[in-house]
Amino acid sequence: MAKPLADTSLEDYRRIVDINQVSVFLGIKAVVASMKKAKNGSIVNISSINGLVGGAIGYTDTKFAVRGMTKAAALELSPLGIRVNSVHPGVIETPMIMQDDTKAAVEEFAKQIPLRRIAKPEEISNLVLFLASDDSSYSTGAEFIADGGVTAQ
């Protein structure tokens, strides 16, 4: 659960940074050598619509960082044949958010989404599969938004 800035400890903040930001750096770093050797590859980083618009401290800034890392890595790695893109999902129907204590709030929020629903997990995974495939061979450093129109408002 997001805490107000004044209530967020440095330990809490660093934990979010490790999970959402450092993990993406480590993921990119882990695959570069093998992709460089193959002279081909596609890295797909998962951010959030909160990497595009404001939100909770910690979460939002780390998701903005994923955007920056994606663009920096795309510029550095594209001469090696490696593409790097980011996906920015909105609310996704997962067991975590569809629990009894959150389900009603999620359903109410869905009424404000232009498509009037939240995403199914496979809608996001299909986008990731497209970006990982050769069908997206001319896309790098790009941001792909899958939010039902939330950020278009």
N, C-alpha and C. Protein backbone atom coordinates (compact mmCIF):
# COMPACT_ATOMS: atom_id res chain seq x y z
N MET A 1 0.84 -1.19 0.00
CA MET A 1 0.00 0.00 0.00
C MET A 1 0.88 1.24 0.00
N ALA A 2 0.56 2.19 -0.85
CA ALA A 2 1.32 3.43 -0.96
C ALA A 2 1.16 4.25 0.31
N LYS A 3 2.28 4.85 0.72
CA LYS A 3 2.28 5.72 1.89
C LYS A 3 2.53 7.15 1.43
N PRO A 4 2.04 8.12 2.20
CA PRO A 4 2.38 9.51 1.88
C PRO A 4 3.89 9.71 2.02
N LEU A 5 4.43 10.68 1.31
CA LEU A 5 5.86 10.98 1.33
C LEU A 5 6.38 11.13 2.75
N ALA A 6 5.69 11.87 3.59
CA ALA A 6 6.15 12.11 4.96
C ALA A 6 6.21 10.83 5.79
N ASP A 7 5.43 9.82 5.41
CA ASP A 7 5.39 8.56 6.15
C ASP A 7 6.27 7.47 5.53
N THR A 8 6.93 7.77 4.43
CA THR A 8 7.77 6.79 3.75
C THR A 8 9.19 6.88 4.29
N SER A 9 9.64 5.78 4.87
CA SER A 9 11.01 5.76 5.40
C SER A 9 12.00 5.55 4.26
N LEU A 10 13.25 5.87 4.51
CA LEU A 10 14.29 5.64 3.51
C LEU A 10 14.39 4.15 3.20
N GLU A 11 14.23 3.31 4.19
CA GLU A 11 14.24 1.86 3.98
C GLU A 11 13.11 1.43 3.05
N ASP A 12 11.90 1.95 3.30
CA ASP A 12 10.75 1.65 2.43
C ASP A 12 11.03 2.09 0.99
N TYR A 13 11.56 3.30 0.86
CA TYR A 13 11.83 3.86 -0.46
C TYR A 13 12.87 3.03 -1.21
N ARG A 14 13.95 2.69 -0.53
CA ARG A 14 15.00 1.89 -1.17
C ARG A 14 14.50 0.51 -1.57
N ARG A 15 13.59 -0.04 -0.82
CA ARG A 15 13.02 -1.34 -1.17
C ARG A 15 12.26 -1.25 -2.49
N ILE A 16 11.47 -0.20 -2.64
CA ILE A 16 10.72 0.01 -3.88
C ILE A 16 11.69 0.21 -5.05
N VAL A 17 12.73 1.00 -4.83
CA VAL A 17 13.73 1.24 -5.88
C VAL A 17 14.39 -0.07 -6.29
N ASP A 18 14.75 -0.91 -5.31
CA ASP A 18 15.37 -2.20 -5.63
C ASP A 18 14.43 -3.09 -6.45
N ILE A 19 13.18 -3.15 -6.05
CA ILE A 19 12.22 -4.02 -6.73
C ILE A 19 11.89 -3.50 -8.13
N ASN A 20 11.57 -2.23 -8.25
CA ASN A 20 11.04 -1.70 -9.52
C ASN A 20 12.09 -1.14 -10.46
N GLN A 21 13.22 -0.71 -9.95
CA GLN A 21 14.20 -0.02 -10.78
C GLN A 21 15.49 -0.82 -10.92
N VAL A 22 16.10 -1.19 -9.81
CA VAL A 22 17.36 -1.93 -9.87
C VAL A 22 17.16 -3.27 -10.56
N SER A 23 16.02 -3.91 -10.34
CA SER A 23 15.75 -5.20 -10.99
C SER A 23 15.74 -5.07 -12.51
N VAL A 24 15.23 -3.97 -13.04
CA VAL A 24 15.22 -3.76 -14.49
C VAL A 24 16.65 -3.58 -15.00
N PHE A 25 17.45 -2.80 -14.29
CA PHE A 25 18.86 -2.64 -14.65
C PHE A 25 19.56 -3.99 -14.68
N LEU A 26 19.36 -4.78 -13.63
CA LEU A 26 20.00 -6.10 -13.56
C LEU A 26 19.51 -7.03 -14.66
N GLY A 27 18.23 -6.95 -15.00
CA GLY A 27 17.69 -7.77 -16.08
C GLY A 27 18.32 -7.42 -17.42
N ILE A 28 18.43 -6.14 -17.70
CA ILE A 28 19.06 -5.71 -18.95
C ILE A 28 20.51 -6.18 -18.98
N LYS A 29 21.21 -5.92 -17.90
CA LYS A 29 22.63 -6.28 -17.80
C LYS A 29 22.84 -7.78 -17.98
N ALA A 30 21.93 -8.59 -17.48
CA ALA A 30 22.07 -10.05 -17.53
C ALA A 30 21.98 -10.62 -18.94
N VAL A 31 21.26 -9.94 -19.83
CA VAL A 31 21.05 -10.51 -21.17
C VAL A 31 21.90 -9.88 -22.26
N VAL A 32 22.56 -8.78 -21.97
CA VAL A 32 23.30 -8.06 -23.01
C VAL A 32 24.39 -8.91 -23.65
N ALA A 33 25.18 -9.63 -22.87
CA ALA A 33 26.30 -10.40 -23.44
C ALA A 33 25.82 -11.44 -24.45
N SER A 34 24.78 -12.18 -24.10
CA SER A 34 24.30 -13.22 -25.02
C SER A 34 23.64 -12.61 -26.25
N MET A 35 22.92 -11.50 -26.08
CA MET A 35 22.30 -10.84 -27.23
C MET A 35 23.35 -10.20 -28.13
N LYS A 36 24.38 -9.65 -27.51
CA LYS A 36 25.48 -9.05 -28.28
C LYS A 36 26.15 -10.12 -29.13
N LYS A 37 26.39 -11.27 -28.54
CA LYS A 37 27.01 -12.39 -29.26
C LYS A 37 26.12 -12.84 -30.43
N ALA A 38 24.82 -12.87 -30.20
CA ALA A 38 23.87 -13.27 -31.25
C ALA A 38 23.64 -12.16 -32.27
N LYS A 39 24.06 -10.94 -31.95
CA LYS A 39 23.84 -9.75 -32.80
C LYS A 39 22.35 -9.51 -33.04
N ASN A 40 21.57 -9.85 -32.02
CA ASN A 40 20.12 -9.73 -32.14
C ASN A 40 19.51 -9.87 -30.76
N GLY A 41 18.39 -9.23 -30.54
CA GLY A 41 17.68 -9.40 -29.29
C GLY A 41 16.62 -8.35 -29.09
N SER A 42 15.73 -8.65 -28.18
CA SER A 42 14.66 -7.72 -27.83
C SER A 42 14.45 -7.77 -26.33
N ILE A 43 14.59 -6.63 -25.71
CA ILE A 43 14.36 -6.49 -24.27
C ILE A 43 13.06 -5.71 -24.10
N VAL A 44 12.17 -6.23 -23.28
CA VAL A 44 10.90 -5.56 -23.02
C VAL A 44 10.82 -5.30 -21.52
N ASN A 45 10.88 -4.04 -21.16
CA ASN A 45 10.78 -3.64 -19.76
C ASN A 45 9.33 -3.29 -19.43
N ILE A 46 8.91 -3.69 -18.24
CA ILE A 46 7.56 -3.37 -17.80
C ILE A 46 7.61 -2.18 -16.86
N SER A 47 6.93 -1.12 -17.24
CA SER A 47 6.82 0.07 -16.41
C SER A 47 5.38 0.11 -15.90
N SER A 48 4.70 1.20 -16.12
CA SER A 48 3.33 1.40 -15.64
C SER A 48 2.84 2.71 -16.22
N ILE A 49 1.53 2.90 -16.22
CA ILE A 49 1.04 4.22 -16.59
C ILE A 49 1.51 5.25 -15.57
N ASN A 50 1.87 4.79 -14.36
CA ASN A 50 2.42 5.71 -13.38
C ASN A 50 3.84 6.13 -13.73
N GLY A 51 4.42 5.56 -14.77
CA GLY A 51 5.67 6.05 -15.32
C GLY A 51 5.44 7.15 -16.33
N LEU A 52 4.19 7.47 -16.58
CA LEU A 52 3.81 8.52 -17.53
C LEU A 52 3.11 9.69 -16.86
N VAL A 53 2.42 9.41 -15.78
CA VAL A 53 1.67 10.43 -15.04
C VAL A 53 1.99 10.30 -13.56
N GLY A 54 1.63 11.24 -12.78
CA GLY A 54 1.92 11.22 -11.35
C GLY A 54 1.20 10.12 -10.61
N GLY A 55 1.69 9.85 -9.42
CA GLY A 55 1.12 8.83 -8.56
C GLY A 55 1.86 8.81 -7.24
N ALA A 56 1.92 7.67 -6.62
CA ALA A 56 2.54 7.54 -5.29
C ALA A 56 4.06 7.66 -5.36
N ILE A 57 4.62 8.34 -4.37
CA ILE A 57 6.07 8.47 -4.26
C ILE A 57 6.70 7.08 -4.17
N GLY A 58 7.83 6.93 -4.76
CA GLY A 58 8.50 5.63 -4.77
C GLY A 58 8.07 4.84 -5.99
N TYR A 59 6.84 4.46 -6.05
CA TYR A 59 6.35 3.67 -7.18
C TYR A 59 6.46 4.48 -8.47
N THR A 60 5.92 5.67 -8.47
CA THR A 60 5.91 6.49 -9.67
C THR A 60 7.32 6.82 -10.16
N ASP A 61 8.19 7.24 -9.25
CA ASP A 61 9.52 7.64 -9.70
C ASP A 61 10.32 6.46 -10.23
N THR A 62 10.10 5.27 -9.67
CA THR A 62 10.82 4.11 -10.21
C THR A 62 10.28 3.71 -11.58
N LYS A 63 9.00 3.90 -11.80
CA LYS A 63 8.44 3.58 -13.10
C LYS A 63 8.87 4.61 -14.15
N PHE A 64 9.05 5.86 -13.75
CA PHE A 64 9.65 6.85 -14.65
C PHE A 64 11.09 6.45 -14.96
N ALA A 65 11.81 5.94 -13.99
CA ALA A 65 13.20 5.51 -14.21
C ALA A 65 13.27 4.38 -15.23
N VAL A 66 12.30 3.49 -15.23
CA VAL A 66 12.28 2.41 -16.22
C VAL A 66 12.19 3.00 -17.63
N ARG A 67 11.43 4.06 -17.80
CA ARG A 67 11.35 4.73 -19.10
C ARG A 67 12.72 5.23 -19.51
N GLY A 68 13.41 5.90 -18.60
CA GLY A 68 14.73 6.44 -18.90
C GLY A 68 15.74 5.36 -19.22
N MET A 69 15.74 4.29 -18.42
CA MET A 69 16.67 3.18 -18.68
C MET A 69 16.38 2.55 -20.03
N THR A 70 15.11 2.42 -20.36
CA THR A 70 14.73 1.82 -21.64
C THR A 70 15.28 2.65 -22.79
N LYS A 71 15.10 3.95 -22.73
CA LYS A 71 15.57 4.82 -23.81
C LYS A 71 17.09 4.83 -23.88
N ALA A 72 17.75 4.93 -22.73
CA ALA A 72 19.22 4.93 -22.72
C ALA A 72 19.78 3.62 -23.25
N ALA A 73 19.19 2.51 -22.81
CA ALA A 73 19.66 1.21 -23.28
C ALA A 73 19.37 1.03 -24.77
N ALA A 74 18.24 1.53 -25.25
CA ALA A 74 17.92 1.42 -26.68
C ALA A 74 18.96 2.15 -27.52
N LEU A 75 19.34 3.34 -27.09
CA LEU A 75 20.36 4.09 -27.85
C LEU A 75 21.71 3.39 -27.82
N GLU A 76 22.08 2.85 -26.67
CA GLU A 76 23.37 2.18 -26.55
C GLU A 76 23.42 0.84 -27.28
N LEU A 77 22.34 0.09 -27.21
CA LEU A 77 22.36 -1.28 -27.70
C LEU A 77 21.88 -1.46 -29.15
N SER A 78 21.19 -0.46 -29.69
CA SER A 78 20.67 -0.62 -31.05
C SER A 78 21.76 -0.88 -32.09
N PRO A 79 22.96 -0.28 -32.00
CA PRO A 79 23.99 -0.62 -32.99
C PRO A 79 24.43 -2.09 -32.91
N LEU A 80 24.10 -2.76 -31.82
CA LEU A 80 24.44 -4.17 -31.64
C LEU A 80 23.31 -5.10 -32.09
N GLY A 81 22.24 -4.52 -32.62
CA GLY A 81 21.11 -5.31 -33.06
C GLY A 81 20.12 -5.65 -31.95
N ILE A 82 20.24 -4.96 -30.83
CA ILE A 82 19.38 -5.23 -29.67
C ILE A 82 18.37 -4.09 -29.53
N ARG A 83 17.10 -4.47 -29.50
CA ARG A 83 16.02 -3.49 -29.33
C ARG A 83 15.58 -3.48 -27.88
N VAL A 84 15.18 -2.32 -27.39
CA VAL A 84 14.72 -2.18 -26.02
C VAL A 84 13.48 -1.28 -26.02
N ASN A 85 12.38 -1.80 -25.50
CA ASN A 85 11.12 -1.06 -25.44
C ASN A 85 10.51 -1.22 -24.05
N SER A 86 9.52 -0.39 -23.76
CA SER A 86 8.83 -0.51 -22.48
C SER A 86 7.33 -0.61 -22.69
N VAL A 87 6.69 -1.33 -21.79
CA VAL A 87 5.24 -1.49 -21.78
C VAL A 87 4.72 -0.80 -20.53
N HIS A 88 3.64 -0.05 -20.70
CA HIS A 88 3.06 0.74 -19.62
C HIS A 88 1.60 0.35 -19.41
N PRO A 89 1.39 -0.72 -18.64
CA PRO A 89 0.01 -1.16 -18.41
C PRO A 89 -0.72 -0.28 -17.40
N GLY A 90 -2.02 -0.30 -17.54
CA GLY A 90 -2.88 0.28 -16.52
C GLY A 90 -3.24 -0.83 -15.54
N VAL A 91 -4.47 -0.82 -15.07
CA VAL A 91 -4.93 -1.82 -14.11
C VAL A 91 -5.17 -3.14 -14.83
N ILE A 92 -4.62 -4.21 -14.26
CA ILE A 92 -4.74 -5.55 -14.84
C ILE A 92 -5.48 -6.44 -13.86
N GLU A 93 -6.37 -7.24 -14.38
CA GLU A 93 -7.16 -8.17 -13.55
C GLU A 93 -6.26 -9.33 -13.08
N THR A 94 -5.70 -9.15 -11.91
CA THR A 94 -4.86 -10.19 -11.31
C THR A 94 -5.45 -10.57 -9.96
N PRO A 95 -5.09 -11.73 -9.45
CA PRO A 95 -5.60 -12.13 -8.12
C PRO A 95 -5.29 -11.09 -7.04
N MET A 96 -4.14 -10.42 -7.15
CA MET A 96 -3.76 -9.45 -6.14
C MET A 96 -4.77 -8.31 -6.01
N ILE A 97 -5.27 -7.79 -7.14
CA ILE A 97 -6.20 -6.66 -7.05
C ILE A 97 -7.66 -7.09 -7.01
N MET A 98 -7.94 -8.35 -7.26
CA MET A 98 -9.32 -8.80 -7.27
C MET A 98 -9.69 -9.52 -5.96
N GLN A 99 -8.99 -9.20 -4.88
CA GLN A 99 -9.31 -9.76 -3.58
C GLN A 99 -10.55 -9.07 -3.03
N ASP A 100 -11.16 -9.71 -2.05
CA ASP A 100 -12.40 -9.18 -1.48
C ASP A 100 -12.29 -7.74 -1.01
N ASP A 101 -11.13 -7.36 -0.44
CA ASP A 101 -10.99 -6.01 0.12
C ASP A 101 -10.70 -4.94 -0.94
N THR A 102 -10.37 -5.32 -2.15
CA THR A 102 -10.06 -4.34 -3.20
C THR A 102 -10.96 -4.44 -4.43
N LYS A 103 -11.66 -5.53 -4.58
CA LYS A 103 -12.45 -5.79 -5.79
C LYS A 103 -13.46 -4.68 -6.08
N ALA A 104 -14.18 -4.22 -5.08
CA ALA A 104 -15.20 -3.17 -5.29
C ALA A 104 -14.56 -1.87 -5.78
N ALA A 105 -13.43 -1.51 -5.20
CA ALA A 105 -12.74 -0.28 -5.62
C ALA A 105 -12.24 -0.40 -7.06
N VAL A 106 -11.73 -1.57 -7.42
CA VAL A 106 -11.26 -1.79 -8.79
C VAL A 106 -12.43 -1.70 -9.77
N GLU A 107 -13.54 -2.31 -9.43
CA GLU A 107 -14.72 -2.27 -10.31
C GLU A 107 -15.24 -0.85 -10.45
N GLU A 108 -15.18 -0.07 -9.40
CA GLU A 108 -15.60 1.33 -9.46
C GLU A 108 -14.64 2.14 -10.34
N PHE A 109 -13.34 1.90 -10.17
CA PHE A 109 -12.34 2.59 -11.00
C PHE A 109 -12.53 2.25 -12.47
N ALA A 110 -12.88 1.01 -12.78
CA ALA A 110 -13.05 0.57 -14.16
C ALA A 110 -14.11 1.40 -14.89
N LYS A 111 -15.07 1.94 -14.17
CA LYS A 111 -16.11 2.77 -14.78
C LYS A 111 -15.54 4.08 -15.34
N GLN A 112 -14.37 4.49 -14.84
CA GLN A 112 -13.73 5.73 -15.28
C GLN A 112 -12.78 5.51 -16.46
N ILE A 113 -12.49 4.25 -16.77
CA ILE A 113 -11.60 3.93 -17.88
C ILE A 113 -12.41 4.07 -19.17
N PRO A 114 -11.87 4.74 -20.19
CA PRO A 114 -12.64 4.91 -21.42
C PRO A 114 -13.19 3.60 -22.00
N LEU A 115 -12.44 2.50 -21.93
CA LEU A 115 -12.97 1.22 -22.41
C LEU A 115 -13.90 0.55 -21.40
N ARG A 116 -14.08 1.16 -20.23
CA ARG A 116 -15.01 0.71 -19.19
C ARG A 116 -14.70 -0.67 -18.60
N ARG A 117 -13.40 -1.03 -18.61
CA ARG A 117 -13.00 -2.30 -18.01
C ARG A 117 -11.51 -2.26 -17.75
N ILE A 118 -11.05 -3.21 -16.94
CA ILE A 118 -9.62 -3.35 -16.71
C ILE A 118 -9.08 -4.41 -17.67
N ALA A 119 -7.77 -4.44 -17.79
CA ALA A 119 -7.14 -5.35 -18.75
C ALA A 119 -7.11 -6.79 -18.25
N LYS A 120 -7.21 -7.70 -19.18
CA LYS A 120 -6.97 -9.11 -18.90
C LYS A 120 -5.45 -9.32 -18.99
N PRO A 121 -4.88 -10.20 -18.19
CA PRO A 121 -3.42 -10.42 -18.24
C PRO A 121 -2.91 -10.75 -19.64
N GLU A 122 -3.68 -11.52 -20.40
CA GLU A 122 -3.21 -11.91 -21.74
C GLU A 122 -3.15 -10.72 -22.70
N GLU A 123 -3.89 -9.65 -22.42
CA GLU A 123 -3.79 -8.47 -23.28
C GLU A 123 -2.41 -7.82 -23.15
N ILE A 124 -1.86 -7.87 -21.96
CA ILE A 124 -0.52 -7.32 -21.74
C ILE A 124 0.53 -8.30 -22.25
N SER A 125 0.36 -9.58 -21.95
CA SER A 125 1.36 -10.56 -22.39
C SER A 125 1.42 -10.64 -23.92
N ASN A 126 0.30 -10.48 -24.60
CA ASN A 126 0.32 -10.48 -26.07
C ASN A 126 1.10 -9.29 -26.63
N LEU A 127 1.01 -8.15 -25.96
CA LEU A 127 1.79 -6.98 -26.37
C LEU A 127 3.28 -7.26 -26.17
N VAL A 128 3.62 -7.85 -25.03
CA VAL A 128 5.02 -8.19 -24.76
C VAL A 128 5.53 -9.19 -25.80
N LEU A 129 4.72 -10.19 -26.13
CA LEU A 129 5.12 -11.16 -27.16
C LEU A 129 5.37 -10.49 -28.50
N PHE A 130 4.51 -9.55 -28.87
CA PHE A 130 4.71 -8.80 -30.11
C PHE A 130 6.05 -8.07 -30.08
N LEU A 131 6.34 -7.40 -28.98
CA LEU A 131 7.59 -6.63 -28.88
C LEU A 131 8.82 -7.54 -28.86
N ALA A 132 8.66 -8.73 -28.33
CA ALA A 132 9.77 -9.68 -28.30
C ALA A 132 10.01 -10.32 -29.66
N SER A 133 9.02 -10.28 -30.53
CA SER A 133 9.09 -10.96 -31.83
C SER A 133 9.71 -10.06 -32.89
N ASP A 134 10.03 -10.67 -34.01
CA ASP A 134 10.56 -9.94 -35.16
C ASP A 134 9.49 -9.08 -35.83
N ASP A 135 8.22 -9.28 -35.47
CA ASP A 135 7.15 -8.45 -36.03
C ASP A 135 7.30 -6.98 -35.62
N SER A 136 8.06 -6.73 -34.55
CA SER A 136 8.28 -5.35 -34.08
C SER A 136 9.73 -4.94 -34.32
N SER A 137 10.32 -5.45 -35.37
CA SER A 137 11.77 -5.29 -35.61
C SER A 137 12.24 -3.85 -35.81
N TYR A 138 11.34 -2.92 -36.04
CA TYR A 138 11.76 -1.53 -36.22
C TYR A 138 11.38 -0.65 -35.02
N SER A 139 11.00 -1.28 -33.93
CA SER A 139 10.64 -0.53 -32.72
C SER A 139 11.74 -0.66 -31.68
N THR A 140 12.28 0.47 -31.26
CA THR A 140 13.23 0.48 -30.15
C THR A 140 13.16 1.84 -29.46
N GLY A 141 13.33 1.82 -28.15
CA GLY A 141 13.25 3.05 -27.37
C GLY A 141 11.85 3.60 -27.24
N ALA A 142 10.87 2.76 -27.56
CA ALA A 142 9.47 3.22 -27.59
C ALA A 142 8.70 2.79 -26.34
N GLU A 143 7.64 3.51 -26.09
CA GLU A 143 6.75 3.24 -24.96
C GLU A 143 5.42 2.77 -25.50
N PHE A 144 4.99 1.61 -25.05
CA PHE A 144 3.72 1.04 -25.50
C PHE A 144 2.75 1.05 -24.33
N ILE A 145 1.67 1.80 -24.50
CA ILE A 145 0.70 2.00 -23.43
C ILE A 145 -0.49 1.07 -23.65
N ALA A 146 -0.86 0.35 -22.58
CA ALA A 146 -2.01 -0.53 -22.62
C ALA A 146 -2.84 -0.24 -21.37
N ASP A 147 -3.66 0.80 -21.46
CA ASP A 147 -4.39 1.26 -20.27
C ASP A 147 -5.86 1.50 -20.51
N GLY A 148 -6.38 1.04 -21.63
CA GLY A 148 -7.80 1.24 -21.90
C GLY A 148 -8.18 2.68 -22.17
N GLY A 149 -7.19 3.53 -22.39
CA GLY A 149 -7.45 4.93 -22.70
C GLY A 149 -7.29 5.89 -21.53
N VAL A 150 -6.85 5.41 -20.37
CA VAL A 150 -6.74 6.26 -19.18
C VAL A 150 -5.85 7.47 -19.43
N THR A 151 -4.68 7.26 -20.02
CA THR A 151 -3.75 8.38 -20.21
C THR A 151 -4.12 9.26 -21.39
N ALA A 152 -5.11 8.86 -22.17
CA ALA A 152 -5.59 9.69 -23.28
C ALA A 152 -6.53 10.79 -22.81
N GLN A 153 -6.99 10.66 -21.59
CA GLN A 153 -7.97 11.64 -21.06
C GLN A 153 -7.34 12.97 -20.74
